[in-house]
Amino acid sequence: MRFDALILTDPRFSGGTSAAVAADVKAMVKGGLNVGLALVESTGFFLSHERANTAILDLADLDGVSRVDPKTCGEVECDIAFFHHPSVFENPVETAFPIDSTQAILITHQPLFLGDSALAFDPFRVQSNIRKQFHRSFLWAPISGICRQQFRAYAPLLRLTQADWPNAFDIDTWTPKREKLQSPNLVIGRHGRAHPDKWPASGAEIANSLPAGPNTHVKVMGVDPDFLREKGVDTSAWTMLAFNQQPVFDFLDELDVFSYHHSPLWVESFGRTIAEAMLMGVRCVLSPELEPTFGEHAIYARPDEVPGVLDRIRSNLAPERAATDAARQFCIEAFSTRSILGRFQALKTDAGTRSRRPKPVVSPLIAAKKLAGFRRRKFMSQKDAK
């Protein structure tokens, strides 16, 4: 069997990775590509209770998509093989098959280093496993400037694509219906699950990042109220919705400002919810670490600076509305699913890059020490488990 694109992913992802995979596949088939979908089973990454995501399983029902069974398919030919998420391949997958492709790409979907500078996974084990199991070398495709800065630390041993492969969005879905920033009375909020890494470390920082007040209403969706109460956050003036109580685009359309700050232990590899907010015309106030991905199209501030930022927004509503328009246009040009076919064609002839320029965020010497420490800890944990 032969395909234009072959997608290899574990179907148990439930968040941004699954949404990104689904958006890519839908855009590819809409553009006329013949897509193979191979659902591989990683080992040691997902918990035993985690189940396949229907958003991924349902892709097999699309016209133009064929399910590839790793146990029976034999060798598969394709123009480009897309391996999704390196942690899926850090250990050998349960069943693999040889791939004959013009190009092979590993889409990162995650940072290489955590917020405390610890290594998140061993990229060389990933390379070795894919080469052994699928008979393919490949290029690493960062999904953002943040990821590219990190992965460049291991150049020239890791070869990156010349252009990033960011998350893609169907622009027709993410179309605002409400004009934002029309008065000094602002609605500020965010959405997502209450994973501790996705929120500031202290209750005071959380409260500062979402400062309720006479002219500021806070609205959040998805966070467990108990999580915030345990942090000591007063949510009595907040509107709190359950996870997916509203469609995300409707929720975002009711905000004027999207405030996103996270734990110092977390590195946001892309920020899909942020791009969604920008597409819905919402002004974004973000952790400064996200600037490599969103550049001039957000306001960067620490949690304690957010109340002052809101005061400046109130005093400059017209310029801030213009900034949200510019941010939306940036996302349309950079992240629209309409760009997928062009990006796909460019990948076919991408020779990759081994350059360390500009200077990586982690020096090659420190990166080498981090790798040695990671492997030593892995060895000791395996030894203790025996």
Protein backbone atom coordinates (compact mmCIF):
# COMPACT_ATOMS: atom_id res chain seq x y z
CA MET A 1 0.00 0.00 0.00
CA ARG A 2 1.12 3.54 -0.74
CA PHE A 3 0.03 6.90 0.70
CA ASP A 4 0.82 10.54 0.26
CA ALA A 5 1.05 10.90 4.06
CA LEU A 6 1.38 8.23 6.73
CA ILE A 7 0.40 9.29 10.26
CA LEU A 8 1.84 7.31 13.19
CA THR A 9 0.42 8.16 16.62
CA ASP A 10 -0.70 6.55 19.83
CA PRO A 11 -4.47 7.19 20.03
CA ARG A 12 -4.47 7.72 23.81
CA PHE A 13 -3.54 11.40 23.72
CA SER A 14 -6.40 13.53 25.01
CA GLY A 15 -5.25 17.14 24.72
CA GLY A 16 -3.31 19.34 22.34
CA THR A 17 -1.48 16.50 20.61
CA SER A 18 -4.70 14.73 19.58
CA ALA A 19 -6.26 18.03 18.46
CA ALA A 20 -3.19 18.82 16.37
CA VAL A 21 -3.13 15.37 14.77
CA ALA A 22 -6.84 15.58 13.93
CA ALA A 23 -6.49 19.05 12.41
CA ASP A 24 -3.55 17.94 10.24
CA VAL A 25 -5.32 14.83 8.95
CA LYS A 26 -8.57 16.67 8.16
CA ALA A 27 -6.66 19.36 6.28
CA MET A 28 -4.68 16.78 4.32
CA VAL A 29 -7.72 14.86 3.12
CA LYS A 30 -9.59 18.08 2.38
CA GLY A 31 -6.67 19.00 0.14
CA GLY A 32 -6.92 15.69 -1.72
CA LEU A 33 -4.11 13.74 -0.07
CA ASN A 34 -4.35 9.99 0.47
CA VAL A 35 -3.62 9.41 4.17
CA GLY A 36 -2.69 6.26 6.05
CA LEU A 37 -3.40 6.18 9.80
CA ALA A 38 -1.26 3.80 11.86
CA LEU A 39 -2.21 3.63 15.54
CA VAL A 40 0.87 2.44 17.38
CA GLU A 41 0.99 1.33 21.00
CA SER A 42 3.70 2.96 23.08
CA THR A 43 5.09 1.33 26.21
CA GLY A 44 5.73 2.98 29.56
CA PHE A 45 4.19 6.34 28.67
CA PHE A 46 0.43 6.14 29.23
CA LEU A 47 -1.22 4.91 32.42
CA SER A 48 -3.11 1.62 32.35
CA HIS A 49 -6.53 3.30 32.67
CA GLU A 50 -6.03 5.65 29.71
CA ARG A 51 -8.08 4.74 26.65
CA ALA A 52 -8.05 5.65 22.96
CA ASN A 53 -9.42 9.07 22.10
CA THR A 54 -12.45 8.97 19.80
CA ALA A 55 -11.19 12.14 18.10
CA ILE A 56 -8.32 10.05 16.75
CA LEU A 57 -10.27 6.83 16.13
CA ASP A 58 -12.91 8.72 14.12
CA LEU A 59 -10.29 9.93 11.66
CA ALA A 60 -10.33 6.45 10.10
CA ASP A 61 -13.91 7.10 8.95
CA LEU A 62 -12.96 10.10 6.83
CA ASP A 63 -12.94 9.75 3.06
CA GLY A 64 -9.30 9.67 2.03
CA VAL A 65 -8.07 8.01 5.25
CA SER A 66 -7.17 4.31 5.44
CA ARG A 67 -6.44 2.48 8.68
CA VAL A 68 -3.04 0.79 8.69
CA ASP A 69 -2.76 -2.17 11.04
CA PRO A 70 0.86 -2.40 12.28
CA LYS A 71 0.44 -6.14 12.91
CA THR A 72 -0.54 -7.09 9.36
CA CYS A 73 0.41 -4.28 6.97
CA GLY A 74 3.94 -5.26 5.99
CA GLU A 75 6.07 -2.55 4.40
CA VAL A 76 4.24 0.74 3.78
CA GLU A 77 5.24 3.24 1.11
CA CYS A 78 4.52 6.96 1.36
CA ASP A 79 5.79 10.37 0.41
CA ILE A 80 6.09 11.56 4.02
CA ALA A 81 5.80 9.57 7.24
CA PHE A 82 4.76 11.69 10.24
CA PHE A 83 5.73 10.29 13.65
CA HIS A 84 3.80 12.16 16.35
CA HIS A 85 5.27 12.88 19.80
CA PRO A 86 8.77 11.63 20.72
CA SER A 87 7.76 10.06 24.04
CA VAL A 88 5.70 7.52 22.10
CA PHE A 89 8.95 6.18 20.67
CA GLU A 90 11.34 6.56 23.60
CA ASN A 91 10.69 2.89 24.30
CA PRO A 92 10.07 0.42 21.46
CA VAL A 93 6.41 0.37 20.42
CA GLU A 94 4.51 -2.91 20.71
CA THR A 95 4.33 -3.53 16.97
CA ALA A 96 6.23 -1.79 14.18
CA PHE A 97 6.65 -2.19 10.41
CA PRO A 98 9.14 -1.07 7.75
CA ILE A 99 8.45 2.23 6.01
CA ASP A 100 9.67 3.21 2.55
CA SER A 101 9.22 6.97 2.34
CA THR A 102 10.68 9.95 0.55
CA GLN A 103 10.79 11.83 3.84
CA ALA A 104 10.16 11.08 7.52
CA ILE A 105 9.32 13.68 10.15
CA LEU A 106 9.01 13.47 13.94
CA ILE A 107 6.69 16.23 15.16
CA THR A 108 7.89 17.15 18.63
CA HIS A 109 4.65 18.16 20.47
CA GLN A 110 6.64 18.57 23.68
CA PRO A 111 9.67 20.42 25.02
CA LEU A 112 12.99 18.66 25.37
CA PHE A 113 13.82 20.34 28.70
CA LEU A 114 11.45 20.95 31.63
CA GLY A 115 11.18 24.19 33.55
CA ASP A 116 13.84 23.07 36.05
CA SER A 117 16.16 22.32 33.07
CA ALA A 118 15.84 18.54 33.54
CA LEU A 119 15.70 16.50 30.36
CA ALA A 120 12.17 15.32 29.55
CA PHE A 121 13.23 12.31 27.48
CA ASP A 122 16.26 10.82 25.73
CA PRO A 123 16.14 12.01 22.08
CA PHE A 124 18.82 9.54 21.02
CA ARG A 125 16.81 6.58 22.27
CA VAL A 126 13.93 7.92 20.20
CA GLN A 127 16.11 8.11 17.11
CA SER A 128 17.50 4.65 17.66
CA ASN A 129 14.08 3.04 18.20
CA ILE A 130 12.52 4.56 15.09
CA ARG A 131 15.49 3.58 12.95
CA LYS A 132 15.48 0.00 14.27
CA GLN A 133 11.72 -0.56 14.27
CA PHE A 134 10.62 1.38 11.19
CA HIS A 135 13.86 1.33 9.18
CA ARG A 136 13.76 5.12 8.86
CA SER A 137 15.95 8.08 9.71
CA PHE A 138 14.03 11.31 10.12
CA LEU A 139 14.03 15.07 10.74
CA TRP A 140 12.84 16.56 14.03
CA ALA A 141 10.05 19.09 13.39
CA PRO A 142 9.70 21.60 16.25
CA ILE A 143 6.16 22.86 16.79
CA SER A 144 7.30 26.28 18.02
CA GLY A 145 10.23 28.60 18.50
CA ILE A 146 10.49 27.40 22.10
CA CYS A 147 10.96 23.80 20.95
CA ARG A 148 13.45 24.80 18.26
CA GLN A 149 15.60 26.68 20.78
CA GLN A 150 15.73 23.58 22.97
CA PHE A 151 16.33 20.89 20.35
CA ARG A 152 19.13 22.93 18.79
CA ALA A 153 21.16 22.13 21.92
CA TYR A 154 21.92 18.68 20.48
CA ALA A 155 22.82 19.83 16.99
CA PRO A 156 24.47 18.54 14.89
CA LEU A 157 23.47 15.14 16.32
CA LEU A 158 19.80 16.01 15.89
CA ARG A 159 18.78 17.23 12.44
CA LEU A 160 15.84 19.65 12.47
CA THR A 161 13.45 20.66 9.72
CA GLN A 162 14.22 24.09 8.30
CA ALA A 163 10.72 25.33 9.19
CA ASP A 164 8.60 24.57 12.24
CA TRP A 165 5.46 22.43 12.05
CA PRO A 166 3.11 24.35 14.37
CA ASN A 167 -0.40 23.31 15.36
CA ALA A 168 -3.03 24.05 12.72
CA PHE A 169 -6.56 25.40 13.09
CA ASP A 170 -9.65 25.43 10.89
CA ILE A 171 -10.13 29.19 10.66
CA ASP A 172 -13.81 28.83 9.73
CA THR A 173 -14.42 27.27 13.16
CA TRP A 174 -12.51 29.94 15.08
CA THR A 175 -14.42 33.02 13.94
CA PRO A 176 -15.36 35.64 16.56
CA LYS A 177 -18.95 36.83 16.78
CA ARG A 178 -18.56 39.41 19.54
CA GLU A 179 -16.52 42.62 19.47
CA LYS A 180 -14.03 42.61 22.32
CA LEU A 181 -12.67 45.42 24.52
CA GLN A 182 -15.67 47.69 24.02
CA SER A 183 -15.65 49.18 27.54
CA PRO A 184 -13.49 49.38 30.67
CA ASN A 185 -15.49 46.48 32.08
CA LEU A 186 -13.38 43.47 31.14
CA VAL A 187 -14.01 39.73 31.23
CA ILE A 188 -10.77 37.86 31.86
CA GLY A 189 -10.35 34.10 31.91
CA ARG A 190 -8.77 30.89 30.70
CA HIS A 191 -9.74 27.26 30.22
CA GLY A 192 -8.16 23.86 30.67
CA ARG A 193 -7.82 21.12 33.24
CA ALA A 194 -6.46 21.74 36.74
CA HIS A 195 -3.10 20.11 36.19
CA PRO A 196 -0.74 21.76 38.71
CA ASP A 197 1.90 22.38 36.05
CA LYS A 198 -0.57 24.44 34.02
CA TRP A 199 -1.12 26.97 36.82
CA PRO A 200 1.15 29.26 38.84
CA ALA A 201 2.67 27.60 41.89
CA SER A 202 0.92 29.66 44.59
CA GLY A 203 -2.64 30.73 45.24
CA ALA A 204 -1.54 34.37 45.37
CA GLU A 205 -0.05 34.12 41.88
CA ILE A 206 -3.21 32.47 40.54
CA ALA A 207 -5.36 35.21 42.05
CA ASN A 208 -3.11 37.93 40.63
CA SER A 209 -3.19 36.37 37.18
CA LEU A 210 -7.03 36.45 37.25
CA PRO A 211 -7.77 39.53 39.36
CA ALA A 212 -11.49 39.90 40.05
CA GLY A 213 -12.61 43.45 40.82
CA PRO A 214 -15.25 46.14 40.24
CA ASN A 215 -14.39 46.38 36.52
CA THR A 216 -13.02 42.87 36.01
CA HIS A 217 -15.09 39.69 35.87
CA VAL A 218 -13.28 36.35 35.95
CA LYS A 219 -14.59 33.40 33.96
CA VAL A 220 -12.84 30.01 33.80
CA MET A 221 -13.73 26.62 32.37
CA GLY A 222 -12.43 23.17 33.19
CA VAL A 223 -10.57 23.78 36.43
CA ASP A 224 -11.64 21.80 39.50
CA PRO A 225 -12.91 24.25 42.17
CA ASP A 226 -11.31 22.09 44.88
CA PHE A 227 -7.91 22.60 43.25
CA LEU A 228 -8.28 26.38 43.59
CA ARG A 229 -9.71 26.21 47.12
CA GLU A 230 -6.77 24.08 48.25
CA LYS A 231 -4.51 26.81 46.89
CA GLY A 232 -6.40 29.39 48.93
CA VAL A 233 -7.86 31.22 45.93
CA ASP A 234 -11.06 33.18 46.59
CA THR A 235 -13.32 32.29 43.65
CA SER A 236 -16.55 33.69 45.12
CA ALA A 237 -16.75 36.37 42.41
CA TRP A 238 -15.73 34.05 39.56
CA THR A 239 -17.90 32.29 37.01
CA MET A 240 -16.70 28.68 36.91
CA LEU A 241 -17.76 26.20 34.24
CA ALA A 242 -17.12 22.47 34.09
CA PHE A 243 -14.75 21.04 31.49
CA ASN A 244 -16.32 21.50 28.04
CA GLN A 245 -19.54 22.86 29.58
CA GLN A 246 -19.45 25.26 26.62
CA PRO A 247 -17.85 24.79 23.24
CA VAL A 248 -14.40 26.32 23.57
CA PHE A 249 -14.98 28.89 20.81
CA ASP A 250 -18.16 30.10 22.52
CA PHE A 251 -16.37 30.35 25.87
CA LEU A 252 -13.50 32.34 24.38
CA ASP A 253 -15.88 34.61 22.50
CA GLU A 254 -17.21 35.83 25.86
CA LEU A 255 -13.75 36.93 27.07
CA ASP A 256 -11.95 40.22 26.49
CA VAL A 257 -8.64 39.06 27.94
CA PHE A 258 -7.09 35.57 28.08
CA SER A 259 -4.59 35.24 30.93
CA TYR A 260 -2.23 32.25 30.88
CA HIS A 261 0.51 31.65 33.43
CA HIS A 262 1.97 28.32 34.45
CA SER A 263 4.20 26.60 36.99
CA PRO A 264 7.94 27.31 36.81
CA LEU A 265 8.35 23.55 36.29
CA TRP A 266 6.32 23.64 33.07
CA VAL A 267 7.47 24.52 29.55
CA GLU A 268 4.65 25.21 27.11
CA SER A 269 5.78 23.64 23.85
CA PHE A 270 3.22 25.56 21.76
CA GLY A 271 0.12 26.88 23.52
CA ARG A 272 -2.86 25.71 21.49
CA THR A 273 -5.38 27.35 23.82
CA ILE A 274 -3.55 30.67 23.40
CA ALA A 275 -3.71 30.50 19.61
CA GLU A 276 -7.42 29.69 19.89
CA ALA A 277 -7.95 32.79 22.04
CA MET A 278 -6.08 34.97 19.54
CA LEU A 279 -8.18 33.58 16.70
CA MET A 280 -11.29 34.55 18.65
CA GLY A 281 -10.07 38.15 18.94
CA VAL A 282 -9.18 37.99 22.64
CA ARG A 283 -6.23 39.99 24.00
CA CYS A 284 -3.67 37.61 25.51
CA VAL A 285 -1.59 38.26 28.63
CA LEU A 286 1.00 35.49 28.92
CA SER A 287 3.99 34.16 30.81
CA PRO A 288 7.12 35.78 29.35
CA GLU A 289 8.49 32.34 28.43
CA LEU A 290 5.95 32.15 25.59
CA GLU A 291 7.38 35.08 23.65
CA PRO A 292 9.41 32.89 21.21
CA THR A 293 6.11 31.41 19.95
CA PHE A 294 3.78 34.42 19.86
CA GLY A 295 6.23 37.31 19.51
CA GLU A 296 4.74 40.79 19.45
CA HIS A 297 1.17 39.51 19.42
CA ALA A 298 0.70 39.17 23.18
CA ILE A 299 1.41 41.11 26.35
CA TYR A 300 4.00 39.36 28.52
CA ALA A 301 3.79 39.82 32.27
CA ARG A 302 4.28 38.03 35.57
CA PRO A 303 1.11 37.23 37.53
CA ASP A 304 1.64 40.16 39.92
CA GLU A 305 1.82 42.51 36.92
CA VAL A 306 -1.53 41.49 35.43
CA PRO A 307 -3.69 44.00 37.39
CA GLY A 308 -1.55 46.85 36.06
CA VAL A 309 -1.74 45.42 32.53
CA LEU A 310 -5.53 45.45 32.72
CA ASP A 311 -5.48 49.11 33.78
CA ARG A 312 -3.34 49.94 30.74
CA ILE A 313 -5.71 48.03 28.46
CA ARG A 314 -8.68 49.98 29.85
CA SER A 315 -6.87 53.24 29.10
CA ASN A 316 -6.04 52.24 25.51
CA LEU A 317 -9.04 50.27 24.24
CA ALA A 318 -8.74 51.30 20.57
CA PRO A 319 -5.02 50.40 20.24
CA GLU A 320 -5.63 47.15 22.11
CA ARG A 321 -8.45 46.23 19.72
CA ALA A 322 -6.05 46.86 16.83
CA ALA A 323 -3.51 44.59 18.53
CA THR A 324 -6.07 41.78 18.81
CA ASP A 325 -6.84 42.15 15.09
CA ALA A 326 -3.14 41.89 14.29
CA ALA A 327 -2.77 38.83 16.53
CA ARG A 328 -5.70 37.12 14.83
CA GLN A 329 -4.21 37.81 11.40
CA PHE A 330 -0.85 36.46 12.56
CA CYS A 331 -2.50 33.20 13.67
CA ILE A 332 -4.42 32.90 10.41
CA GLU A 333 -1.23 33.25 8.38
CA ALA A 334 0.93 31.07 10.64
CA PHE A 335 -1.45 28.37 11.85
CA SER A 336 -4.33 27.98 9.40
CA THR A 337 -5.09 24.48 8.13
CA ARG A 338 -5.11 26.12 4.68
CA SER A 339 -1.32 26.20 4.94
CA ILE A 340 -0.96 22.45 5.50
CA LEU A 341 -0.70 21.45 1.83
CA GLY A 342 1.98 24.05 1.17
CA ARG A 343 3.89 22.97 4.25
CA PHE A 344 3.53 19.33 3.17
CA GLN A 345 4.99 20.03 -0.27
CA ALA A 346 7.89 22.01 1.24
CA LEU A 347 8.76 19.11 3.54
CA LYS A 348 9.32 16.81 0.59
CA THR A 349 12.52 18.66 -0.31
CA ASP A 350 13.54 19.81 3.18
CA ALA A 351 17.16 18.76 3.61
CA GLY A 352 17.09 19.68 7.29
CA THR A 353 19.57 21.68 9.32
CA ARG A 354 22.22 20.73 11.85
CA SER A 355 23.06 24.33 12.71
CA ARG A 356 23.42 25.56 16.30
CA ARG A 357 22.66 29.12 15.23
CA PRO A 358 21.19 31.13 16.73
CA LYS A 359 22.65 30.05 20.05
CA PRO A 360 20.53 27.32 21.71
CA VAL A 361 18.79 28.10 24.99
CA VAL A 362 20.80 25.28 26.66
CA SER A 363 24.50 25.08 25.79
CA PRO A 364 25.76 21.85 24.19
CA LEU A 365 28.01 21.23 27.21
CA ILE A 366 25.14 21.56 29.68
CA ALA A 367 22.94 19.47 27.37
CA ALA A 368 25.54 16.69 27.40
CA LYS A 369 25.62 16.76 31.22
CA LYS A 370 21.82 16.68 31.36
CA LEU A 371 21.76 13.63 29.10
CA ALA A 372 24.34 11.81 31.22
CA GLY A 373 22.36 12.55 34.38
CA PHE A 374 19.09 11.47 32.77
CA ARG A 375 20.57 8.16 31.66
CA ARG A 376 22.14 7.57 35.09
CA ARG A 377 18.79 8.13 36.84
CA LYS A 378 17.04 5.88 34.34
CA PHE A 379 19.60 3.13 34.90
CA MET A 380 19.29 3.37 38.69
CA SER A 381 15.47 3.29 38.60
CA GLN A 382 15.54 0.19 36.40
CA LYS A 383 18.10 -1.42 38.70
CA ASP A 384 15.93 -0.71 41.76
CA ALA A 385 12.88 -2.14 40.03
CA LYS A 386 14.55 -5.53 39.57
